[in-house]
Amino acid sequence: MLFTIKIYTYAVILVIGSIFKLQKAKRLYQQPTTAEIRKEIFETPQNVSAKVMKATGTIVQVTGREKVPEGAVLYVANHQGLFDILSFLGHLDKPIGFIAKKEINKLPIIRSWMGLLNCVFIDRTDRRQSMNAINQGIENLKNGYSLVIFPEGTRSKGAELNEFKPGSLRLATKANVPIVPVTINGTYKMLEENNGRVNGTSVSMTIHDPIFPENYASLKSAELAKELQDIVQSGLPQTNKQEKIKEEFVITTR
């Protein structure tokens, strides 16, 4: 538990220490947007996230960065744990925002940085607000800002993949941007598997081939969600899938 407290304290110190850079980032945000400005604004959240991940003793390995096309894309990933977000921010090496739950908007300093990254806060209990958030996300993508979504809707807190919900994929279909599936594996071992205690481990992020608008235009939302789920599943260890099939077989034969 002492190690967990140290990690959270270190993270808080890094966030507080970013205040001066936050002021500069706000000034940059007011200027006409360029790729260079987006990269400069993103640099601090990226560094803070990478430092926190490193402090936990976790090694993040990313494969497939070269597959990400230029311009705005919608990253679609599985959601194993709380540290998924820091893994993306610290190791993707490209400016990104998130469709994030509204509770994060209550965190001082962090919410300001997330605003500069064009993140969108969503209240899943309020249908109207959720629709407004999705529409804002669509506009952000159209304006050139890449976003990450977790279509499972919540953390799986393990290696198994939950069903992808098709609603959030409107972000890509309405903005007409490429979809980049990403499989993340191992983050649940950092926290969720240890009853809230932080632990170092190995995390892998596999970036799959993008799906371009002309390839998904003919698919229904449910079909697209299933295809993306299958792609993300393919990046998880085969043993996980075999264990799941075995468990389902045992249940049905009892």
C-alpha atoms as a PDB file:
ATOM      1  CA  MET A   1       0.000   0.000   0.000  1.00  0.00           C
ATOM      2  CA  LEU A   2       2.914   2.349   0.728  1.00  0.00           C
ATOM      3  CA  PHE A   3       4.091   2.009  -2.874  1.00  0.00           C
ATOM      4  CA  THR A   4       0.592   2.884  -4.127  1.00  0.00           C
ATOM      5  CA  ILE A   5       0.545   6.017  -1.962  1.00  0.00           C
ATOM      6  CA  LYS A   6       3.955   7.010  -3.324  1.00  0.00           C
ATOM      7  CA  ILE A   7       2.748   6.619  -6.919  1.00  0.00           C
ATOM      8  CA  TYR A   8      -0.383   8.700  -6.344  1.00  0.00           C
ATOM      9  CA  THR A   9       1.655  11.347  -4.516  1.00  0.00           C
ATOM     10  CA  TYR A  10       4.190  11.446  -7.337  1.00  0.00           C
ATOM     11  CA  ALA A  11       1.390  11.805  -9.892  1.00  0.00           C
ATOM     12  CA  VAL A  12      -0.170  14.677  -7.930  1.00  0.00           C
ATOM     13  CA  ILE A  13       3.206  16.448  -7.710  1.00  0.00           C
ATOM     14  CA  LEU A  14       3.697  16.113 -11.473  1.00  0.00           C
ATOM     15  CA  VAL A  15       0.206  17.458 -12.178  1.00  0.00           C
ATOM     16  CA  ILE A  16       0.670  20.436  -9.842  1.00  0.00           C
ATOM     17  CA  GLY A  17       4.072  21.070 -11.390  1.00  0.00           C
ATOM     18  CA  SER A  18       2.462  21.350 -14.817  1.00  0.00           C
ATOM     19  CA  ILE A  19       0.559  24.539 -13.907  1.00  0.00           C
ATOM     20  CA  PHE A  20       3.138  26.902 -15.427  1.00  0.00           C
ATOM     21  CA  LYS A  21       3.191  24.922 -18.675  1.00  0.00           C
ATOM     22  CA  LEU A  22      -0.590  24.881 -18.575  1.00  0.00           C
ATOM     23  CA  GLN A  23      -0.664  28.673 -18.841  1.00  0.00           C
ATOM     24  CA  LYS A  24       1.594  28.558 -21.884  1.00  0.00           C
ATOM     25  CA  ALA A  25      -0.529  25.806 -23.414  1.00  0.00           C
ATOM     26  CA  LYS A  26      -3.656  27.921 -22.962  1.00  0.00           C
ATOM     27  CA  ARG A  27      -2.020  30.763 -24.882  1.00  0.00           C
ATOM     28  CA  LEU A  28      -1.010  28.374 -27.648  1.00  0.00           C
ATOM     29  CA  TYR A  29      -4.557  27.018 -27.780  1.00  0.00           C
ATOM     30  CA  GLN A  30      -5.857  30.490 -28.639  1.00  0.00           C
ATOM     31  CA  GLN A  31      -3.661  30.632 -31.746  1.00  0.00           C
ATOM     32  CA  PRO A  32      -4.629  29.224 -35.155  1.00  0.00           C
ATOM     33  CA  THR A  33      -4.270  25.453 -34.870  1.00  0.00           C
ATOM     34  CA  THR A  34      -1.298  23.760 -36.510  1.00  0.00           C
ATOM     35  CA  ALA A  35       0.210  20.299 -36.123  1.00  0.00           C
ATOM     36  CA  GLU A  36       3.167  21.854 -34.317  1.00  0.00           C
ATOM     37  CA  ILE A  37       0.951  23.641 -31.786  1.00  0.00           C
ATOM     38  CA  ARG A  38      -1.057  20.458 -31.115  1.00  0.00           C
ATOM     39  CA  LYS A  39       2.170  18.559 -30.533  1.00  0.00           C
ATOM     40  CA  GLU A  40       3.532  21.224 -28.173  1.00  0.00           C
ATOM     41  CA  ILE A  41       0.323  21.304 -26.119  1.00  0.00           C
ATOM     42  CA  PHE A  42       0.295  17.508 -25.961  1.00  0.00           C
ATOM     43  CA  GLU A  43       3.923  17.277 -24.822  1.00  0.00           C
ATOM     44  CA  THR A  44       3.249  17.893 -21.119  1.00  0.00           C
ATOM     45  CA  PRO A  45       0.366  15.389 -20.704  1.00  0.00           C
ATOM     46  CA  GLN A  46       2.480  12.895 -22.636  1.00  0.00           C
ATOM     47  CA  ASN A  47       5.532  13.368 -20.413  1.00  0.00           C
ATOM     48  CA  VAL A  48       3.554  13.290 -17.168  1.00  0.00           C
ATOM     49  CA  SER A  49       1.775  10.081 -18.202  1.00  0.00           C
ATOM     50  CA  ALA A  50       4.999   8.384 -19.307  1.00  0.00           C
ATOM     51  CA  LYS A  51       6.735   9.328 -16.034  1.00  0.00           C
ATOM     52  CA  VAL A  52       3.909   7.926 -13.917  1.00  0.00           C
ATOM     53  CA  MET A  53       3.874   4.673 -15.891  1.00  0.00           C
ATOM     54  CA  LYS A  54       7.648   4.375 -15.537  1.00  0.00           C
ATOM     55  CA  ALA A  55       7.465   5.073 -11.784  1.00  0.00           C
ATOM     56  CA  THR A  56       5.155   2.082 -11.338  1.00  0.00           C
ATOM     57  CA  GLY A  57       7.828  -0.148 -12.843  1.00  0.00           C
ATOM     58  CA  THR A  58       5.676  -0.856 -15.884  1.00  0.00           C
ATOM     59  CA  ILE A  59       7.120  -1.335 -19.366  1.00  0.00           C
ATOM     60  CA  VAL A  60       4.809  -0.423 -22.256  1.00  0.00           C
ATOM     61  CA  GLN A  61       5.523  -1.957 -25.651  1.00  0.00           C
ATOM     62  CA  VAL A  62       3.744  -0.490 -28.681  1.00  0.00           C
ATOM     63  CA  THR A  63       3.632  -2.159 -32.079  1.00  0.00           C
ATOM     64  CA  GLY A  64       2.108  -0.783 -35.275  1.00  0.00           C
ATOM     65  CA  ARG A  65       2.590   2.982 -34.825  1.00  0.00           C
ATOM     66  CA  GLU A  66       3.444   3.190 -38.511  1.00  0.00           C
ATOM     67  CA  LYS A  67      -0.085   2.031 -39.390  1.00  0.00           C
ATOM     68  CA  VAL A  68      -1.759   5.208 -38.118  1.00  0.00           C
ATOM     69  CA  PRO A  69      -2.760   7.405 -41.101  1.00  0.00           C
ATOM     70  CA  GLU A  70      -2.227  11.143 -41.200  1.00  0.00           C
ATOM     71  CA  GLY A  71      -4.996  13.424 -39.992  1.00  0.00           C
ATOM     72  CA  ALA A  72      -7.715  12.850 -37.438  1.00  0.00           C
ATOM     73  CA  VAL A  73      -8.622   9.249 -36.594  1.00  0.00           C
ATOM     74  CA  LEU A  74     -10.873   7.512 -34.098  1.00  0.00           C
ATOM     75  CA  TYR A  75      -8.938   5.017 -31.983  1.00  0.00           C
ATOM     76  CA  VAL A  76     -11.166   2.162 -30.799  1.00  0.00           C
ATOM     77  CA  ALA A  77      -9.722   0.110 -27.957  1.00  0.00           C
ATOM     78  CA  ASN A  78     -10.603  -2.358 -25.241  1.00  0.00           C
ATOM     79  CA  HIS A  79     -10.635  -1.037 -21.680  1.00  0.00           C
ATOM     80  CA  GLN A  80      -8.929  -3.267 -19.113  1.00  0.00           C
ATOM     81  CA  GLY A  81      -8.053  -0.746 -16.434  1.00  0.00           C
ATOM     82  CA  LEU A  82      -7.531   2.771 -15.170  1.00  0.00           C
ATOM     83  CA  PHE A  83      -4.008   2.920 -16.581  1.00  0.00           C
ATOM     84  CA  ASP A  84      -5.230   2.470 -20.174  1.00  0.00           C
ATOM     85  CA  ILE A  85      -5.510   6.248 -20.482  1.00  0.00           C
ATOM     86  CA  LEU A  86      -1.960   6.897 -19.246  1.00  0.00           C
ATOM     87  CA  SER A  87      -0.688   4.189 -21.582  1.00  0.00           C
ATOM     88  CA  PHE A  88      -2.282   5.935 -24.557  1.00  0.00           C
ATOM     89  CA  LEU A  89      -1.189   9.414 -23.521  1.00  0.00           C
ATOM     90  CA  GLY A  90       2.350   8.427 -22.675  1.00  0.00           C
ATOM     91  CA  HIS A  91       3.193   5.983 -25.437  1.00  0.00           C
ATOM     92  CA  LEU A  92       1.108   6.487 -28.568  1.00  0.00           C
ATOM     93  CA  ASP A  93       3.329   9.419 -29.616  1.00  0.00           C
ATOM     94  CA  LYS A  94       0.462  11.283 -31.255  1.00  0.00           C
ATOM     95  CA  PRO A  95      -1.825  14.013 -29.838  1.00  0.00           C
ATOM     96  CA  ILE A  96      -5.123  12.500 -28.719  1.00  0.00           C
ATOM     97  CA  GLY A  97      -8.200  13.277 -26.679  1.00  0.00           C
ATOM     98  CA  PHE A  98     -10.707  10.975 -25.015  1.00  0.00           C
ATOM     99  CA  ILE A  99     -14.402  10.493 -24.634  1.00  0.00           C
ATOM    100  CA  ALA A 100     -14.266  10.535 -20.841  1.00  0.00           C
ATOM    101  CA  LYS A 101     -16.798  10.084 -18.076  1.00  0.00           C
ATOM    102  CA  LYS A 102     -18.047  13.291 -16.489  1.00  0.00           C
ATOM    103  CA  GLU A 103     -16.444  12.580 -13.102  1.00  0.00           C
ATOM    104  CA  ILE A 104     -12.989  13.350 -14.497  1.00  0.00           C
ATOM    105  CA  ASN A 105     -14.165  16.874 -15.276  1.00  0.00           C
ATOM    106  CA  LYS A 106     -14.177  17.531 -11.525  1.00  0.00           C
ATOM    107  CA  LEU A 107     -10.404  17.094 -11.163  1.00  0.00           C
ATOM    108  CA  PRO A 108      -8.535  20.430 -10.945  1.00  0.00           C
ATOM    109  CA  ILE A 109      -5.722  21.020 -13.469  1.00  0.00           C
ATOM    110  CA  ILE A 110      -6.395  17.667 -15.148  1.00  0.00           C
ATOM    111  CA  ARG A 111      -9.710  18.920 -16.531  1.00  0.00           C
ATOM    112  CA  SER A 112      -7.938  21.974 -17.949  1.00  0.00           C
ATOM    113  CA  TRP A 113      -5.377  19.838 -19.748  1.00  0.00           C
ATOM    114  CA  MET A 114      -8.131  17.563 -21.044  1.00  0.00           C
ATOM    115  CA  GLY A 115      -9.962  20.597 -22.384  1.00  0.00           C
ATOM    116  CA  LEU A 116      -6.827  21.624 -24.274  1.00  0.00           C
ATOM    117  CA  LEU A 117      -6.644  18.116 -25.721  1.00  0.00           C
ATOM    118  CA  ASN A 118     -10.243  18.505 -26.915  1.00  0.00           C
ATOM    119  CA  CYS A 119     -11.516  15.688 -24.740  1.00  0.00           C
ATOM    120  CA  VAL A 120     -15.270  15.294 -24.430  1.00  0.00           C
ATOM    121  CA  PHE A 121     -16.981  14.567 -21.118  1.00  0.00           C
ATOM    122  CA  ILE A 122     -20.030  12.349 -21.203  1.00  0.00           C
ATOM    123  CA  ASP A 123     -22.784  11.575 -18.695  1.00  0.00           C
ATOM    124  CA  ARG A 124     -24.106   8.142 -19.615  1.00  0.00           C
ATOM    125  CA  THR A 125     -27.087   8.582 -17.286  1.00  0.00           C
ATOM    126  CA  ASP A 126     -28.300  11.611 -19.259  1.00  0.00           C
ATOM    127  CA  ARG A 127     -29.296  10.659 -22.797  1.00  0.00           C
ATOM    128  CA  ARG A 128     -29.528  14.245 -24.052  1.00  0.00           C
ATOM    129  CA  GLN A 129     -26.128  15.164 -22.642  1.00  0.00           C
ATOM    130  CA  SER A 130     -24.654  11.977 -24.095  1.00  0.00           C
ATOM    131  CA  MET A 131     -25.952  12.883 -27.545  1.00  0.00           C
ATOM    132  CA  ASN A 132     -24.543  16.413 -27.208  1.00  0.00           C
ATOM    133  CA  ALA A 133     -21.184  14.965 -26.172  1.00  0.00           C
ATOM    134  CA  ILE A 134     -21.095  12.622 -29.160  1.00  0.00           C
ATOM    135  CA  ASN A 135     -21.959  15.528 -31.474  1.00  0.00           C
ATOM    136  CA  GLN A 136     -19.142  17.567 -29.932  1.00  0.00           C
ATOM    137  CA  GLY A 137     -16.788  14.656 -30.510  1.00  0.00           C
ATOM    138  CA  ILE A 138     -17.860  14.500 -34.154  1.00  0.00           C
ATOM    139  CA  GLU A 139     -17.043  18.190 -34.556  1.00  0.00           C
ATOM    140  CA  ASN A 140     -13.658  17.699 -32.896  1.00  0.00           C
ATOM    141  CA  LEU A 141     -12.810  14.912 -35.334  1.00  0.00           C
ATOM    142  CA  LYS A 142     -13.938  17.036 -38.280  1.00  0.00           C
ATOM    143  CA  ASN A 143     -11.656  19.795 -37.004  1.00  0.00           C
ATOM    144  CA  GLY A 144      -8.673  17.466 -37.043  1.00  0.00           C
ATOM    145  CA  TYR A 145      -8.472  16.249 -33.431  1.00  0.00           C
ATOM    146  CA  SER A 146      -8.039  12.506 -32.936  1.00  0.00           C
ATOM    147  CA  LEU A 147     -10.049  10.801 -30.203  1.00  0.00           C
ATOM    148  CA  VAL A 148      -9.912   7.516 -28.280  1.00  0.00           C
ATOM    149  CA  ILE A 149     -13.056   5.616 -27.306  1.00  0.00           C
ATOM    150  CA  PHE A 150     -13.608   2.441 -25.284  1.00  0.00           C
ATOM    151  CA  PRO A 151     -16.761   0.858 -26.786  1.00  0.00           C
ATOM    152  CA  GLU A 152     -17.092  -1.647 -23.941  1.00  0.00           C
ATOM    153  CA  GLY A 153     -18.431   1.294 -21.959  1.00  0.00           C
ATOM    154  CA  THR A 154     -16.590   0.397 -18.762  1.00  0.00           C
ATOM    155  CA  ARG A 155     -13.414  -1.269 -17.569  1.00  0.00           C
ATOM    156  CA  SER A 156     -13.364  -5.027 -17.944  1.00  0.00           C
ATOM    157  CA  LYS A 157     -10.871  -5.218 -15.036  1.00  0.00           C
ATOM    158  CA  GLY A 158      -9.398  -8.316 -16.620  1.00  0.00           C
ATOM    159  CA  ALA A 159      -8.169  -9.923 -19.810  1.00  0.00           C
ATOM    160  CA  GLU A 160     -11.595 -10.769 -21.184  1.00  0.00           C
ATOM    161  CA  LEU A 161     -13.216  -8.548 -23.780  1.00  0.00           C
ATOM    162  CA  ASN A 162     -16.767  -7.306 -23.218  1.00  0.00           C
ATOM    163  CA  GLU A 163     -19.203  -6.643 -26.041  1.00  0.00           C
ATOM    164  CA  PHE A 164     -18.620  -3.439 -28.021  1.00  0.00           C
ATOM    165  CA  LYS A 165     -21.523  -1.009 -27.978  1.00  0.00           C
ATOM    166  CA  PRO A 166     -22.144   0.419 -31.472  1.00  0.00           C
ATOM    167  CA  GLY A 167     -23.495   3.853 -30.455  1.00  0.00           C
ATOM    168  CA  SER A 168     -20.138   5.543 -29.939  1.00  0.00           C
ATOM    169  CA  LEU A 169     -18.986   4.546 -33.429  1.00  0.00           C
ATOM    170  CA  ARG A 170     -21.168   7.366 -34.790  1.00  0.00           C
ATOM    171  CA  LEU A 171     -18.143   9.516 -34.016  1.00  0.00           C
ATOM    172  CA  ALA A 172     -16.298   7.991 -36.954  1.00  0.00           C
ATOM    173  CA  THR A 173     -19.181   7.402 -39.332  1.00  0.00           C
ATOM    174  CA  LYS A 174     -20.528  10.952 -39.013  1.00  0.00           C
ATOM    175  CA  ALA A 175     -17.105  12.608 -39.086  1.00  0.00           C
ATOM    176  CA  ASN A 176     -16.004  10.370 -41.964  1.00  0.00           C
ATOM    177  CA  VAL A 177     -12.591   9.577 -40.475  1.00  0.00           C
ATOM    178  CA  PRO A 178     -10.503   6.378 -40.381  1.00  0.00           C
ATOM    179  CA  ILE A 179     -10.977   4.012 -37.449  1.00  0.00           C
ATOM    180  CA  VAL A 180      -7.834   2.566 -35.870  1.00  0.00           C
ATOM    181  CA  PRO A 181      -8.450  -0.525 -33.691  1.00  0.00           C
ATOM    182  CA  VAL A 182      -6.056  -0.903 -30.750  1.00  0.00           C
ATOM    183  CA  THR A 183      -5.608  -3.875 -28.441  1.00  0.00           C
ATOM    184  CA  ILE A 184      -4.233  -3.055 -25.002  1.00  0.00           C
ATOM    185  CA  ASN A 185      -3.260  -5.856 -22.658  1.00  0.00           C
ATOM    186  CA  GLY A 186      -1.877  -5.976 -19.143  1.00  0.00           C
ATOM    187  CA  THR A 187      -3.108  -2.723 -17.595  1.00  0.00           C
ATOM    188  CA  TYR A 188      -5.561  -4.550 -15.326  1.00  0.00           C
ATOM    189  CA  LYS A 189      -2.537  -6.124 -13.612  1.00  0.00           C
ATOM    190  CA  MET A 190      -1.383  -2.658 -12.528  1.00  0.00           C
ATOM    191  CA  LEU A 191      -4.340  -1.933 -10.264  1.00  0.00           C
ATOM    192  CA  GLU A 192      -7.599  -3.822 -10.706  1.00  0.00           C
ATOM    193  CA  GLU A 193      -6.092  -7.280 -10.174  1.00  0.00           C
ATOM    194  CA  ASN A 194      -4.461  -6.141  -6.923  1.00  0.00           C
ATOM    195  CA  ASN A 195      -7.461  -4.781  -5.022  1.00  0.00           C
ATOM    196  CA  GLY A 196      -6.519  -1.183  -5.734  1.00  0.00           C
ATOM    197  CA  ARG A 197      -2.790  -1.547  -5.087  1.00  0.00           C
ATOM    198  CA  VAL A 198      -0.487  -0.293  -7.832  1.00  0.00           C
ATOM    199  CA  ASN A 199       1.875  -2.871  -9.270  1.00  0.00           C
ATOM    200  CA  GLY A 200       4.441  -2.778 -12.078  1.00  0.00           C
ATOM    201  CA  THR A 201       3.988  -5.140 -14.998  1.00  0.00           C
ATOM    202  CA  SER A 202       4.334  -5.396 -18.783  1.00  0.00           C
ATOM    203  CA  VAL A 203       1.726  -3.740 -20.992  1.00  0.00           C
ATOM    204  CA  SER A 204       1.345  -4.222 -24.717  1.00  0.00           C
ATOM    205  CA  MET A 205      -0.447  -1.966 -27.171  1.00  0.00           C
ATOM    206  CA  THR A 206      -1.096  -3.416 -30.614  1.00  0.00           C
ATOM    207  CA  ILE A 207      -2.182  -0.969 -33.308  1.00  0.00           C
ATOM    208  CA  HIS A 208      -4.065  -2.761 -36.072  1.00  0.00           C
ATOM    209  CA  ASP A 209      -4.620  -1.760 -39.694  1.00  0.00           C
ATOM    210  CA  PRO A 210      -6.958   1.225 -40.031  1.00  0.00           C
ATOM    211  CA  ILE A 211     -10.430   0.883 -41.472  1.00  0.00           C
ATOM    212  CA  PHE A 212     -11.160   3.725 -43.859  1.00  0.00           C
ATOM    213  CA  PRO A 213     -14.594   5.294 -44.465  1.00  0.00           C
ATOM    214  CA  GLU A 214     -14.951   3.670 -47.867  1.00  0.00           C
ATOM    215  CA  ASN A 215     -14.487   0.270 -46.192  1.00  0.00           C
ATOM    216  CA  TYR A 216     -17.024   0.700 -43.396  1.00  0.00           C
ATOM    217  CA  ALA A 217     -19.600   2.871 -45.188  1.00  0.00           C
ATOM    218  CA  SER A 218     -21.751  -0.115 -46.173  1.00  0.00           C
ATOM    219  CA  LEU A 219     -21.745  -1.667 -42.689  1.00  0.00           C
ATOM    220  CA  LYS A 220     -24.494  -1.240 -40.137  1.00  0.00           C
ATOM    221  CA  SER A 221     -23.420   0.033 -36.710  1.00  0.00           C
ATOM    222  CA  ALA A 222     -23.786  -3.392 -35.110  1.00  0.00           C
ATOM    223  CA  GLU A 223     -21.791  -5.018 -37.919  1.00  0.00           C
ATOM    224  CA  LEU A 224     -19.006  -2.454 -37.588  1.00  0.00           C
ATOM    225  CA  ALA A 225     -18.915  -2.906 -33.818  1.00  0.00           C
ATOM    226  CA  LYS A 226     -18.633  -6.687 -34.210  1.00  0.00           C
ATOM    227  CA  GLU A 227     -15.848  -6.373 -36.787  1.00  0.00           C
ATOM    228  CA  LEU A 228     -13.877  -4.019 -34.541  1.00  0.00           C
ATOM    229  CA  GLN A 229     -14.431  -6.266 -31.540  1.00  0.00           C
ATOM    230  CA  ASP A 230     -13.068  -9.244 -33.472  1.00  0.00           C
ATOM    231  CA  ILE A 231      -9.999  -7.262 -34.559  1.00  0.00           C
ATOM    232  CA  VAL A 232      -9.257  -6.089 -31.021  1.00  0.00           C
ATOM    233  CA  GLN A 233      -9.845  -9.624 -29.711  1.00  0.00           C
ATOM    234  CA  SER A 234      -7.300 -10.974 -32.193  1.00  0.00           C
ATOM    235  CA  GLY A 235      -4.577  -9.007 -30.412  1.00  0.00           C
ATOM    236  CA  LEU A 236      -5.240 -10.598 -27.026  1.00  0.00           C
ATOM    237  CA  PRO A 237      -3.370 -13.762 -25.992  1.00  0.00           C
ATOM    238  CA  GLN A 238      -4.900 -16.904 -27.446  1.00  0.00           C
ATOM    239  CA  THR A 239      -4.999 -18.511 -24.020  1.00  0.00           C
ATOM    240  CA  ASN A 240      -7.581 -15.968 -22.873  1.00  0.00           C
ATOM    241  CA  LYS A 241      -9.923 -16.929 -25.674  1.00  0.00           C
ATOM    242  CA  GLN A 242      -9.354 -20.639 -25.086  1.00  0.00           C
ATOM    243  CA  GLU A 243     -10.106 -20.299 -21.369  1.00  0.00           C
ATOM    244  CA  LYS A 244     -13.308 -18.385 -22.138  1.00  0.00           C
ATOM    245  CA  ILE A 245     -14.483 -21.083 -24.559  1.00  0.00           C
ATOM    246  CA  LYS A 246     -13.677 -23.755 -21.978  1.00  0.00           C
ATOM    247  CA  GLU A 247     -15.601 -21.907 -19.250  1.00  0.00           C
ATOM    248  CA  GLU A 248     -18.632 -21.476 -21.518  1.00  0.00           C
ATOM    249  CA  PHE A 249     -18.500 -25.197 -22.428  1.00  0.00           C
ATOM    250  CA  VAL A 250     -18.405 -26.224 -18.758  1.00  0.00           C
ATOM    251  CA  ILE A 251     -21.362 -23.990 -17.913  1.00  0.00           C
ATOM    252  CA  THR A 252     -23.512 -25.317 -20.778  1.00  0.00           C
ATOM    253  CA  THR A 253     -22.739 -28.967 -20.008  1.00  0.00           C
ATOM    254  CA  ARG A 254     -23.524 -28.861 -16.296  1.00  0.00           C
END
